[in-house]
Amino acid sequence: MKNKPFKLFLILLLFFVLLLSYNHFKVEVDEEILKTESVILEKEKTIKEYVDNANKDVKDKKLVVVYHKKVKDTNGKVYTRYDLQIENEDGSKSKIFSVYRKE
């Protein structure tokens, strides 16, 4: 009986920690979307069109999609985040950057 209040306190503490970490992740997505405001694709434009246009005039570099994932901001808007990387002709690769597409 003596441990019951302590266990209840631990459960509540764990719940609040999980809730705070979940909200922190959503805020990070919002901040990242705001930073890349100019690179948000509308629904009509596909990532393939974006990559093809970027690769059209460049001979020694190639833009490739490394990874994609659906993310949601705090307002409930769903985006697909595409992580892109530039591969040079000599095999070196750039830092990964993200492009968002509205769903």
PDB file of N, CA and C in Angstrom:
ATOM      1  N   MET A   1       0.801  -1.198   0.000  1.00  0.00           N
ATOM      2  CA  MET A   1       0.000   0.000   0.000  1.00  0.00           C
ATOM      3  C   MET A   1       0.846   1.265   0.000  1.00  0.00           C
ATOM      4  N   LYS A   2       2.018   1.215   0.603  1.00  0.00           N
ATOM      5  CA  LYS A   2       2.850   2.409   0.682  1.00  0.00           C
ATOM      6  C   LYS A   2       3.412   2.799  -0.685  1.00  0.00           C
ATOM      7  N   ASN A   3       3.604   1.840  -1.578  1.00  0.00           N
ATOM      8  CA  ASN A   3       4.194   2.113  -2.890  1.00  0.00           C
ATOM      9  C   ASN A   3       3.183   2.625  -3.911  1.00  0.00           C
ATOM     10  N   LYS A   4       1.913   2.507  -3.631  1.00  0.00           N
ATOM     11  CA  LYS A   4       0.893   2.885  -4.604  1.00  0.00           C
ATOM     12  C   LYS A   4       0.978   4.359  -5.025  1.00  0.00           C
ATOM     13  N   PRO A   5       1.093   5.327  -4.129  1.00  0.00           N
ATOM     14  CA  PRO A   5       1.219   6.726  -4.573  1.00  0.00           C
ATOM     15  C   PRO A   5       2.500   6.974  -5.369  1.00  0.00           C
ATOM     16  N   PHE A   6       3.560   6.305  -4.996  1.00  0.00           N
ATOM     17  CA  PHE A   6       4.827   6.463  -5.710  1.00  0.00           C
ATOM     18  C   PHE A   6       4.725   5.928  -7.138  1.00  0.00           C
ATOM     19  N   LYS A   7       4.090   4.771  -7.307  1.00  0.00           N
ATOM     20  CA  LYS A   7       3.905   4.196  -8.644  1.00  0.00           C
ATOM     21  C   LYS A   7       3.014   5.098  -9.502  1.00  0.00           C
ATOM     22  N   LEU A   8       1.974   5.631  -8.895  1.00  0.00           N
ATOM     23  CA  LEU A   8       1.086   6.538  -9.617  1.00  0.00           C
ATOM     24  C   LEU A   8       1.839   7.787 -10.071  1.00  0.00           C
ATOM     25  N   PHE A   9       2.669   8.314  -9.197  1.00  0.00           N
ATOM     26  CA  PHE A   9       3.491   9.473  -9.538  1.00  0.00           C
ATOM     27  C   PHE A   9       4.434   9.155 -10.700  1.00  0.00           C
ATOM     28  N   LEU A  10       5.073   7.993 -10.685  1.00  0.00           N
ATOM     29  CA  LEU A  10       5.980   7.602 -11.774  1.00  0.00           C
ATOM     30  C   LEU A  10       5.243   7.454 -13.101  1.00  0.00           C
ATOM     31  N   ILE A  11       4.059   6.879 -13.049  1.00  0.00           N
ATOM     32  CA  ILE A  11       3.273   6.712 -14.276  1.00  0.00           C
ATOM     33  C   ILE A  11       2.885   8.074 -14.847  1.00  0.00           C
ATOM     34  N   LEU A  12       2.441   8.984 -13.999  1.00  0.00           N
ATOM     35  CA  LEU A  12       2.091  10.331 -14.461  1.00  0.00           C
ATOM     36  C   LEU A  12       3.304  11.071 -15.012  1.00  0.00           C
ATOM     37  N   LEU A  13       4.436  10.924 -14.351  1.00  0.00           N
ATOM     38  CA  LEU A  13       5.665  11.558 -14.816  1.00  0.00           C
ATOM     39  C   LEU A  13       6.067  11.029 -16.193  1.00  0.00           C
ATOM     40  N   LEU A  14       5.995   9.725 -16.371  1.00  0.00           N
ATOM     41  CA  LEU A  14       6.322   9.119 -17.662  1.00  0.00           C
ATOM     42  C   LEU A  14       5.370   9.619 -18.749  1.00  0.00           C
ATOM     43  N   PHE A  15       4.093   9.717 -18.426  1.00  0.00           N
ATOM     44  CA  PHE A  15       3.109  10.208 -19.383  1.00  0.00           C
ATOM     45  C   PHE A  15       3.435  11.632 -19.834  1.00  0.00           C
ATOM     46  N   PHE A  16       3.766  12.509 -18.890  1.00  0.00           N
ATOM     47  CA  PHE A  16       4.088  13.894 -19.236  1.00  0.00           C
ATOM     48  C   PHE A  16       5.375  13.999 -20.040  1.00  0.00           C
ATOM     49  N   VAL A  17       6.351  13.171 -19.741  1.00  0.00           N
ATOM     50  CA  VAL A  17       7.600  13.173 -20.510  1.00  0.00           C
ATOM     51  C   VAL A  17       7.330  12.745 -21.945  1.00  0.00           C
ATOM     52  N   LEU A  18       6.531  11.705 -22.128  1.00  0.00           N
ATOM     53  CA  LEU A  18       6.191  11.254 -23.480  1.00  0.00           C
ATOM     54  C   LEU A  18       5.403  12.317 -24.238  1.00  0.00           C
ATOM     55  N   LEU A  19       4.485  12.964 -23.564  1.00  0.00           N
ATOM     56  CA  LEU A  19       3.694  14.023 -24.193  1.00  0.00           C
ATOM     57  C   LEU A  19       4.568  15.195 -24.620  1.00  0.00           C
ATOM     58  N   LEU A  20       5.484  15.610 -23.767  1.00  0.00           N
ATOM     59  CA  LEU A  20       6.394  16.710 -24.099  1.00  0.00           C
ATOM     60  C   LEU A  20       7.322  16.352 -25.249  1.00  0.00           C
ATOM     61  N   SER A  21       7.834  15.125 -25.264  1.00  0.00           N
ATOM     62  CA  SER A  21       8.742  14.740 -26.351  1.00  0.00           C
ATOM     63  C   SER A  21       7.997  14.672 -27.680  1.00  0.00           C
ATOM     64  N   TYR A  22       6.743  14.220 -27.678  1.00  0.00           N
ATOM     65  CA  TYR A  22       5.948  14.172 -28.901  1.00  0.00           C
ATOM     66  C   TYR A  22       5.718  15.583 -29.445  1.00  0.00           C
ATOM     67  N   ASN A  23       5.345  16.518 -28.576  1.00  0.00           N
ATOM     68  CA  ASN A  23       5.126  17.896 -29.012  1.00  0.00           C
ATOM     69  C   ASN A  23       6.418  18.545 -29.478  1.00  0.00           C
ATOM     70  N   HIS A  24       7.527  18.222 -28.851  1.00  0.00           N
ATOM     71  CA  HIS A  24       8.823  18.769 -29.266  1.00  0.00           C
ATOM     72  C   HIS A  24       9.150  18.327 -30.687  1.00  0.00           C
ATOM     73  N   PHE A  25       8.871  17.064 -31.031  1.00  0.00           N
ATOM     74  CA  PHE A  25       9.127  16.573 -32.384  1.00  0.00           C
ATOM     75  C   PHE A  25       8.286  17.338 -33.395  1.00  0.00           C
ATOM     76  N   LYS A  26       7.014  17.583 -33.093  1.00  0.00           N
ATOM     77  CA  LYS A  26       6.150  18.297 -34.028  1.00  0.00           C
ATOM     78  C   LYS A  26       6.638  19.728 -34.236  1.00  0.00           C
ATOM     79  N   VAL A  27       7.128  20.376 -33.189  1.00  0.00           N
ATOM     80  CA  VAL A  27       7.652  21.739 -33.314  1.00  0.00           C
ATOM     81  C   VAL A  27       8.897  21.743 -34.186  1.00  0.00           C
ATOM     82  N   GLU A  28       9.764  20.725 -34.054  1.00  0.00           N
ATOM     83  CA  GLU A  28      10.951  20.641 -34.906  1.00  0.00           C
ATOM     84  C   GLU A  28      10.557  20.549 -36.371  1.00  0.00           C
ATOM     85  N   VAL A  29       9.533  19.771 -36.691  1.00  0.00           N
ATOM     86  CA  VAL A  29       9.063  19.655 -38.077  1.00  0.00           C
ATOM     87  C   VAL A  29       8.583  21.016 -38.566  1.00  0.00           C
ATOM     88  N   ASP A  30       7.810  21.738 -37.740  1.00  0.00           N
ATOM     89  CA  ASP A  30       7.339  23.079 -38.115  1.00  0.00           C
ATOM     90  C   ASP A  30       8.501  24.016 -38.397  1.00  0.00           C
ATOM     91  N   GLU A  31       9.507  24.020 -37.518  1.00  0.00           N
ATOM     92  CA  GLU A  31      10.656  24.907 -37.696  1.00  0.00           C
ATOM     93  C   GLU A  31      11.417  24.562 -38.968  1.00  0.00           C
ATOM     94  N   GLU A  32      11.569  23.274 -39.252  1.00  0.00           N
ATOM     95  CA  GLU A  32      12.296  22.879 -40.454  1.00  0.00           C
ATOM     96  C   GLU A  32      11.523  23.270 -41.710  1.00  0.00           C
ATOM     97  N   ILE A  33      10.203  23.128 -41.675  1.00  0.00           N
ATOM     98  CA  ILE A  33       9.382  23.530 -42.822  1.00  0.00           C
ATOM     99  C   ILE A  33       9.474  25.038 -43.030  1.00  0.00           C
ATOM    100  N   LEU A  34       9.471  25.806 -41.953  1.00  0.00           N
ATOM    101  CA  LEU A  34       9.597  27.262 -42.078  1.00  0.00           C
ATOM    102  C   LEU A  34      10.946  27.657 -42.659  1.00  0.00           C
ATOM    103  N   LYS A  35      12.014  26.956 -42.273  1.00  0.00           N
ATOM    104  CA  LYS A  35      13.348  27.272 -42.794  1.00  0.00           C
ATOM    105  C   LYS A  35      13.418  27.020 -44.293  1.00  0.00           C
ATOM    106  N   THR A  36      12.698  26.025 -44.781  1.00  0.00           N
ATOM    107  CA  THR A  36      12.767  25.663 -46.194  1.00  0.00           C
ATOM    108  C   THR A  36      11.516  26.115 -46.931  1.00  0.00           C
ATOM    109  N   GLU A  37      10.977  27.250 -46.531  1.00  0.00           N
ATOM    110  CA  GLU A  37       9.720  27.744 -47.100  1.00  0.00           C
ATOM    111  C   GLU A  37       9.766  27.828 -48.624  1.00  0.00           C
ATOM    112  N   SER A  38      10.909  28.177 -49.188  1.00  0.00           N
ATOM    113  CA  SER A  38      10.989  28.331 -50.637  1.00  0.00           C
ATOM    114  C   SER A  38      11.066  26.993 -51.361  1.00  0.00           C
ATOM    115  N   VAL A  39      11.259  25.913 -50.628  1.00  0.00           N
ATOM    116  CA  VAL A  39      11.392  24.605 -51.266  1.00  0.00           C
ATOM    117  C   VAL A  39      10.243  23.692 -50.835  1.00  0.00           C
ATOM    118  N   ILE A  40       9.033  24.227 -50.880  1.00  0.00           N
ATOM    119  CA  ILE A  40       7.848  23.414 -50.622  1.00  0.00           C
ATOM    120  C   ILE A  40       7.132  23.246 -51.950  1.00  0.00           C
ATOM    121  N   LEU A  41       7.006  22.023 -52.377  1.00  0.00           N
ATOM    122  CA  LEU A  41       6.353  21.736 -53.650  1.00  0.00           C
ATOM    123  C   LEU A  41       4.846  21.648 -53.439  1.00  0.00           C
ATOM    124  N   GLU A  42       4.098  22.137 -54.386  1.00  0.00           N
ATOM    125  CA  GLU A  42       2.642  22.021 -54.330  1.00  0.00           C
ATOM    126  C   GLU A  42       2.249  20.599 -54.721  1.00  0.00           C
ATOM    127  N   LYS A  43       0.988  20.256 -54.505  1.00  0.00           N
ATOM    128  CA  LYS A  43       0.503  18.907 -54.789  1.00  0.00           C
ATOM    129  C   LYS A  43       0.713  18.512 -56.251  1.00  0.00           C
ATOM    130  N   GLU A  44       0.571  19.492 -57.144  1.00  0.00           N
ATOM    131  CA  GLU A  44       0.626  19.181 -58.572  1.00  0.00           C
ATOM    132  C   GLU A  44       2.039  18.829 -59.042  1.00  0.00           C
ATOM    133  N   LYS A  45       3.047  19.372 -58.378  1.00  0.00           N
ATOM    134  CA  LYS A  45       4.421  19.147 -58.826  1.00  0.00           C
ATOM    135  C   LYS A  45       4.998  17.930 -58.111  1.00  0.00           C
ATOM    136  N   THR A  46       5.561  17.020 -58.866  1.00  0.00           N
ATOM    137  CA  THR A  46       6.121  15.812 -58.265  1.00  0.00           C
ATOM    138  C   THR A  46       7.603  16.001 -57.991  1.00  0.00           C
ATOM    139  N   ILE A  47       8.130  15.166 -57.127  1.00  0.00           N
ATOM    140  CA  ILE A  47       9.558  15.229 -56.814  1.00  0.00           C
ATOM    141  C   ILE A  47      10.374  14.840 -58.047  1.00  0.00           C
ATOM    142  N   LYS A  48       9.820  13.969 -58.892  1.00  0.00           N
ATOM    143  CA  LYS A  48      10.534  13.578 -60.117  1.00  0.00           C
ATOM    144  C   LYS A  48      10.728  14.784 -61.030  1.00  0.00           C
ATOM    145  N   GLU A  49       9.692  15.617 -61.179  1.00  0.00           N
ATOM    146  CA  GLU A  49       9.815  16.831 -61.991  1.00  0.00           C
ATOM    147  C   GLU A  49      10.865  17.767 -61.408  1.00  0.00           C
ATOM    148  N   TYR A  50      10.871  17.904 -60.089  1.00  0.00           N
ATOM    149  CA  TYR A  50      11.838  18.780 -59.416  1.00  0.00           C
ATOM    150  C   TYR A  50      13.265  18.298 -59.668  1.00  0.00           C
ATOM    151  N   VAL A  51      13.497  17.002 -59.502  1.00  0.00           N
ATOM    152  CA  VAL A  51      14.835  16.434 -59.692  1.00  0.00           C
ATOM    153  C   VAL A  51      15.241  16.507 -61.162  1.00  0.00           C
ATOM    154  N   ASP A  52      14.323  16.180 -62.074  1.00  0.00           N
ATOM    155  CA  ASP A  52      14.644  16.237 -63.506  1.00  0.00           C
ATOM    156  C   ASP A  52      15.009  17.650 -63.945  1.00  0.00           C
ATOM    157  N   ASN A  53      14.274  18.660 -63.457  1.00  0.00           N
ATOM    158  CA  ASN A  53      14.599  20.050 -63.798  1.00  0.00           C
ATOM    159  C   ASN A  53      15.959  20.449 -63.251  1.00  0.00           C
ATOM    160  N   ALA A  54      16.287  19.986 -62.055  1.00  0.00           N
ATOM    161  CA  ALA A  54      17.584  20.316 -61.460  1.00  0.00           C
ATOM    162  C   ALA A  54      18.726  19.642 -62.214  1.00  0.00           C
ATOM    163  N   ASN A  55      18.498  18.443 -62.722  1.00  0.00           N
ATOM    164  CA  ASN A  55      19.555  17.693 -63.408  1.00  0.00           C
ATOM    165  C   ASN A  55      19.662  18.032 -64.895  1.00  0.00           C
ATOM    166  N   LYS A  56      18.691  18.754 -65.435  1.00  0.00           N
ATOM    167  CA  LYS A  56      18.604  18.984 -66.877  1.00  0.00           C
ATOM    168  C   LYS A  56      19.838  19.678 -67.458  1.00  0.00           C
ATOM    169  N   ASP A  57      20.301  20.744 -66.837  1.00  0.00           N
ATOM    170  CA  ASP A  57      21.376  21.546 -67.416  1.00  0.00           C
ATOM    171  C   ASP A  57      22.756  21.260 -66.828  1.00  0.00           C
ATOM    172  N   VAL A  58      22.842  20.353 -65.879  1.00  0.00           N
ATOM    173  CA  VAL A  58      24.115  20.094 -65.206  1.00  0.00           C
ATOM    174  C   VAL A  58      24.683  18.774 -65.700  1.00  0.00           C
ATOM    175  N   LYS A  59      25.958  18.794 -66.062  1.00  0.00           N
ATOM    176  CA  LYS A  59      26.559  17.589 -66.636  1.00  0.00           C
ATOM    177  C   LYS A  59      27.325  16.756 -65.607  1.00  0.00           C
ATOM    178  N   ASP A  60      28.076  17.411 -64.706  1.00  0.00           N
ATOM    179  CA  ASP A  60      28.966  16.663 -63.823  1.00  0.00           C
ATOM    180  C   ASP A  60      28.394  16.419 -62.429  1.00  0.00           C
ATOM    181  N   LYS A  61      27.161  16.839 -62.173  1.00  0.00           N
ATOM    182  CA  LYS A  61      26.520  16.617 -60.874  1.00  0.00           C
ATOM    183  C   LYS A  61      25.130  16.044 -61.098  1.00  0.00           C
ATOM    184  N   LYS A  62      24.665  15.305 -60.097  1.00  0.00           N
ATOM    185  CA  LYS A  62      23.345  14.692 -60.217  1.00  0.00           C
ATOM    186  C   LYS A  62      22.627  14.796 -58.872  1.00  0.00           C
ATOM    187  N   LEU A  63      21.394  15.241 -58.892  1.00  0.00           N
ATOM    188  CA  LEU A  63      20.575  15.330 -57.690  1.00  0.00           C
ATOM    189  C   LEU A  63      19.802  14.024 -57.543  1.00  0.00           C
ATOM    190  N   VAL A  64      19.902  13.395 -56.370  1.00  0.00           N
ATOM    191  CA  VAL A  64      19.215  12.122 -56.144  1.00  0.00           C
ATOM    192  C   VAL A  64      18.418  12.179 -54.844  1.00  0.00           C
ATOM    193  N   VAL A  65      17.324  11.432 -54.810  1.00  0.00           N
ATOM    194  CA  VAL A  65      16.515  11.304 -53.596  1.00  0.00           C
ATOM    195  C   VAL A  65      17.103  10.173 -52.770  1.00  0.00           C
ATOM    196  N   VAL A  66      17.469  10.487 -51.527  1.00  0.00           N
ATOM    197  CA  VAL A  66      18.077   9.501 -50.647  1.00  0.00           C
ATOM    198  C   VAL A  66      17.007   8.794 -49.812  1.00  0.00           C
ATOM    199  N   TYR A  67      16.005   9.545 -49.350  1.00  0.00           N
ATOM    200  CA  TYR A  67      15.021   9.006 -48.415  1.00  0.00           C
ATOM    201  C   TYR A  67      13.771   9.880 -48.465  1.00  0.00           C
ATOM    202  N   HIS A  68      12.616   9.301 -48.201  1.00  0.00           N
ATOM    203  CA  HIS A  68      11.410  10.112 -48.065  1.00  0.00           C
ATOM    204  C   HIS A  68      10.549   9.579 -46.926  1.00  0.00           C
ATOM    205  N   LYS A  69       9.778  10.490 -46.339  1.00  0.00           N
ATOM    206  CA  LYS A  69       8.981  10.144 -45.160  1.00  0.00           C
ATOM    207  C   LYS A  69       7.836  11.144 -45.031  1.00  0.00           C
ATOM    208  N   LYS A  70       6.666  10.685 -44.588  1.00  0.00           N
ATOM    209  CA  LYS A  70       5.532  11.584 -44.342  1.00  0.00           C
ATOM    210  C   LYS A  70       5.692  12.195 -42.955  1.00  0.00           C
ATOM    211  N   VAL A  71       5.500  13.518 -42.873  1.00  0.00           N
ATOM    212  CA  VAL A  71       5.565  14.237 -41.602  1.00  0.00           C
ATOM    213  C   VAL A  71       4.332  15.119 -41.482  1.00  0.00           C
ATOM    214  N   LYS A  72       3.985  15.450 -40.238  1.00  0.00           N
ATOM    215  CA  LYS A  72       2.811  16.279 -39.979  1.00  0.00           C
ATOM    216  C   LYS A  72       3.242  17.438 -39.097  1.00  0.00           C
ATOM    217  N   ASP A  73       2.797  18.652 -39.431  1.00  0.00           N
ATOM    218  CA  ASP A  73       3.123  19.795 -38.580  1.00  0.00           C
ATOM    219  C   ASP A  73       2.067  19.937 -37.485  1.00  0.00           C
ATOM    220  N   THR A  74       2.230  20.929 -36.626  1.00  0.00           N
ATOM    221  CA  THR A  74       1.314  21.075 -35.487  1.00  0.00           C
ATOM    222  C   THR A  74      -0.095  21.462 -35.899  1.00  0.00           C
ATOM    223  N   ASN A  75      -0.267  21.982 -37.092  1.00  0.00           N
ATOM    224  CA  ASN A  75      -1.607  22.323 -37.586  1.00  0.00           C
ATOM    225  C   ASN A  75      -2.298  21.138 -38.236  1.00  0.00           C
ATOM    226  N   GLY A  76      -1.613  20.017 -38.317  1.00  0.00           N
ATOM    227  CA  GLY A  76      -2.197  18.821 -38.907  1.00  0.00           C
ATOM    228  C   GLY A  76      -1.967  18.691 -40.397  1.00  0.00           C
ATOM    229  N   LYS A  77      -1.236  19.630 -41.009  1.00  0.00           N
ATOM    230  CA  LYS A  77      -0.937  19.524 -42.438  1.00  0.00           C
ATOM    231  C   LYS A  77       0.077  18.405 -42.647  1.00  0.00           C
ATOM    232  N   VAL A  78      -0.159  17.592 -43.662  1.00  0.00           N
ATOM    233  CA  VAL A  78       0.731  16.468 -43.949  1.00  0.00           C
ATOM    234  C   VAL A  78       1.642  16.842 -45.108  1.00  0.00           C
ATOM    235  N   TYR A  79       2.919  16.573 -44.936  1.00  0.00           N
ATOM    236  CA  TYR A  79       3.927  16.806 -45.962  1.00  0.00           C
ATOM    237  C   TYR A  79       4.695  15.509 -46.177  1.00  0.00           C
ATOM    238  N   THR A  80       5.252  15.365 -47.363  1.00  0.00           N
ATOM    239  CA  THR A  80       6.230  14.314 -47.589  1.00  0.00           C
ATOM    240  C   THR A  80       7.580  14.990 -47.631  1.00  0.00           C
ATOM    241  N   ARG A  81       8.488  14.553 -46.753  1.00  0.00           N
ATOM    242  CA  ARG A  81       9.832  15.128 -46.723  1.00  0.00           C
ATOM    243  C   ARG A  81      10.742  14.243 -47.564  1.00  0.00           C
ATOM    244  N   TYR A  82      11.371  14.849 -48.569  1.00  0.00           N
ATOM    245  CA  TYR A  82      12.336  14.151 -49.408  1.00  0.00           C
ATOM    246  C   TYR A  82      13.725  14.635 -49.030  1.00  0.00           C
ATOM    247  N   ASP A  83      14.582  13.717 -48.633  1.00  0.00           N
ATOM    248  CA  ASP A  83      15.969  14.063 -48.351  1.00  0.00           C
ATOM    249  C   ASP A  83      16.756  13.869 -49.642  1.00  0.00           C
ATOM    250  N   LEU A  84      17.371  14.944 -50.121  1.00  0.00           N
ATOM    251  CA  LEU A  84      18.088  14.938 -51.395  1.00  0.00           C
ATOM    252  C   LEU A  84      19.575  15.125 -51.161  1.00  0.00           C
ATOM    253  N   GLN A  85      20.356  14.662 -52.126  1.00  0.00           N
ATOM    254  CA  GLN A  85      21.803  14.792 -52.046  1.00  0.00           C
ATOM    255  C   GLN A  85      22.348  14.992 -53.457  1.00  0.00           C
ATOM    256  N   ILE A  86      23.394  15.807 -53.564  1.00  0.00           N
ATOM    257  CA  ILE A  86      24.039  16.031 -54.856  1.00  0.00           C
ATOM    258  C   ILE A  86      25.242  15.108 -54.951  1.00  0.00           C
ATOM    259  N   GLU A  87      25.266  14.291 -55.999  1.00  0.00           N
ATOM    260  CA  GLU A  87      26.401  13.405 -56.242  1.00  0.00           C
ATOM    261  C   GLU A  87      27.243  14.000 -57.365  1.00  0.00           C
ATOM    262  N   ASN A  88      28.526  14.188 -57.102  1.00  0.00           N
ATOM    263  CA  ASN A  88      29.442  14.701 -58.114  1.00  0.00           C
ATOM    264  C   ASN A  88      29.945  13.566 -58.985  1.00  0.00           C
ATOM    265  N   GLU A  89      30.507  13.930 -60.129  1.00  0.00           N
ATOM    266  CA  GLU A  89      31.018  12.945 -61.071  1.00  0.00           C
ATOM    267  C   GLU A  89      32.130  12.090 -60.457  1.00  0.00           C
ATOM    268  N   ASP A  90      32.933  12.688 -59.561  1.00  0.00           N
ATOM    269  CA  ASP A  90      34.039  11.953 -58.943  1.00  0.00           C
ATOM    270  C   ASP A  90      33.587  11.057 -57.787  1.00  0.00           C
ATOM    271  N   GLY A  91      32.298  10.996 -57.507  1.00  0.00           N
ATOM    272  CA  GLY A  91      31.775  10.114 -56.468  1.00  0.00           C
ATOM    273  C   GLY A  91      31.533  10.778 -55.128  1.00  0.00           C
ATOM    274  N   SER A  92      31.990  12.008 -54.956  1.00  0.00           N
ATOM    275  CA  SER A  92      31.759  12.699 -53.683  1.00  0.00           C
ATOM    276  C   SER A  92      30.302  13.139 -53.593  1.00  0.00           C
ATOM    277  N   LYS A  93      29.815  13.241 -52.362  1.00  0.00           N
ATOM    278  CA  LYS A  93      28.408  13.578 -52.148  1.00  0.00           C
ATOM    279  C   LYS A  93      28.295  14.795 -51.251  1.00  0.00           C
ATOM    280  N   SER A  94      27.249  15.579 -51.472  1.00  0.00           N
ATOM    281  CA  SER A  94      27.012  16.777 -50.664  1.00  0.00           C
ATOM    282  C   SER A  94      26.297  16.407 -49.369  1.00  0.00           C
ATOM    283  N   LYS A  95      26.129  17.409 -48.539  1.00  0.00           N
ATOM    284  CA  LYS A  95      25.325  17.264 -47.332  1.00  0.00           C
ATOM    285  C   LYS A  95      23.871  17.043 -47.753  1.00  0.00           C
ATOM    286  N   ILE A  96      23.139  16.256 -46.996  1.00  0.00           N
ATOM    287  CA  ILE A  96      21.737  15.981 -47.309  1.00  0.00           C
ATOM    288  C   ILE A  96      20.885  17.201 -46.953  1.00  0.00           C
ATOM    289  N   PHE A  97      19.969  17.574 -47.846  1.00  0.00           N
ATOM    290  CA  PHE A  97      19.022  18.650 -47.576  1.00  0.00           C
ATOM    291  C   PHE A  97      17.616  18.158 -47.894  1.00  0.00           C
ATOM    292  N   SER A  98      16.619  18.861 -47.384  1.00  0.00           N
ATOM    293  CA  SER A  98      15.236  18.389 -47.493  1.00  0.00           C
ATOM    294  C   SER A  98      14.385  19.294 -48.368  1.00  0.00           C
ATOM    295  N   VAL A  99      13.451  18.670 -49.059  1.00  0.00           N
ATOM    296  CA  VAL A  99      12.420  19.360 -49.827  1.00  0.00           C
ATOM    297  C   VAL A  99      11.093  18.775 -49.356  1.00  0.00           C
ATOM    298  N   TYR A 100      10.120  19.645 -49.119  1.00  0.00           N
ATOM    299  CA  TYR A 100       8.813  19.204 -48.645  1.00  0.00           C
ATOM    300  C   TYR A 100       7.787  19.321 -49.751  1.00  0.00           C
ATOM    301  N   ARG A 101       6.868  18.364 -49.787  1.00  0.00           N
ATOM    302  CA  ARG A 101       5.767  18.393 -50.751  1.00  0.00           C
ATOM    303  C   ARG A 101       4.460  18.305 -49.977  1.00  0.00           C
ATOM    304  N   LYS A 102       3.551  19.255 -50.229  1.00  0.00           N
ATOM    305  CA  LYS A 102       2.248  19.231 -49.550  1.00  0.00           C
ATOM    306  C   LYS A 102       1.442  18.042 -50.032  1.00  0.00           C
ATOM    307  N   GLU A 103       0.738  17.439 -49.129  1.00  0.00           N
ATOM    308  CA  GLU A 103      -0.129  16.296 -49.479  1.00  0.00           C
ATOM    309  C   GLU A 103      -1.576  16.738 -49.504  1.00  0.00           C
TER     310      GLU A 103
END
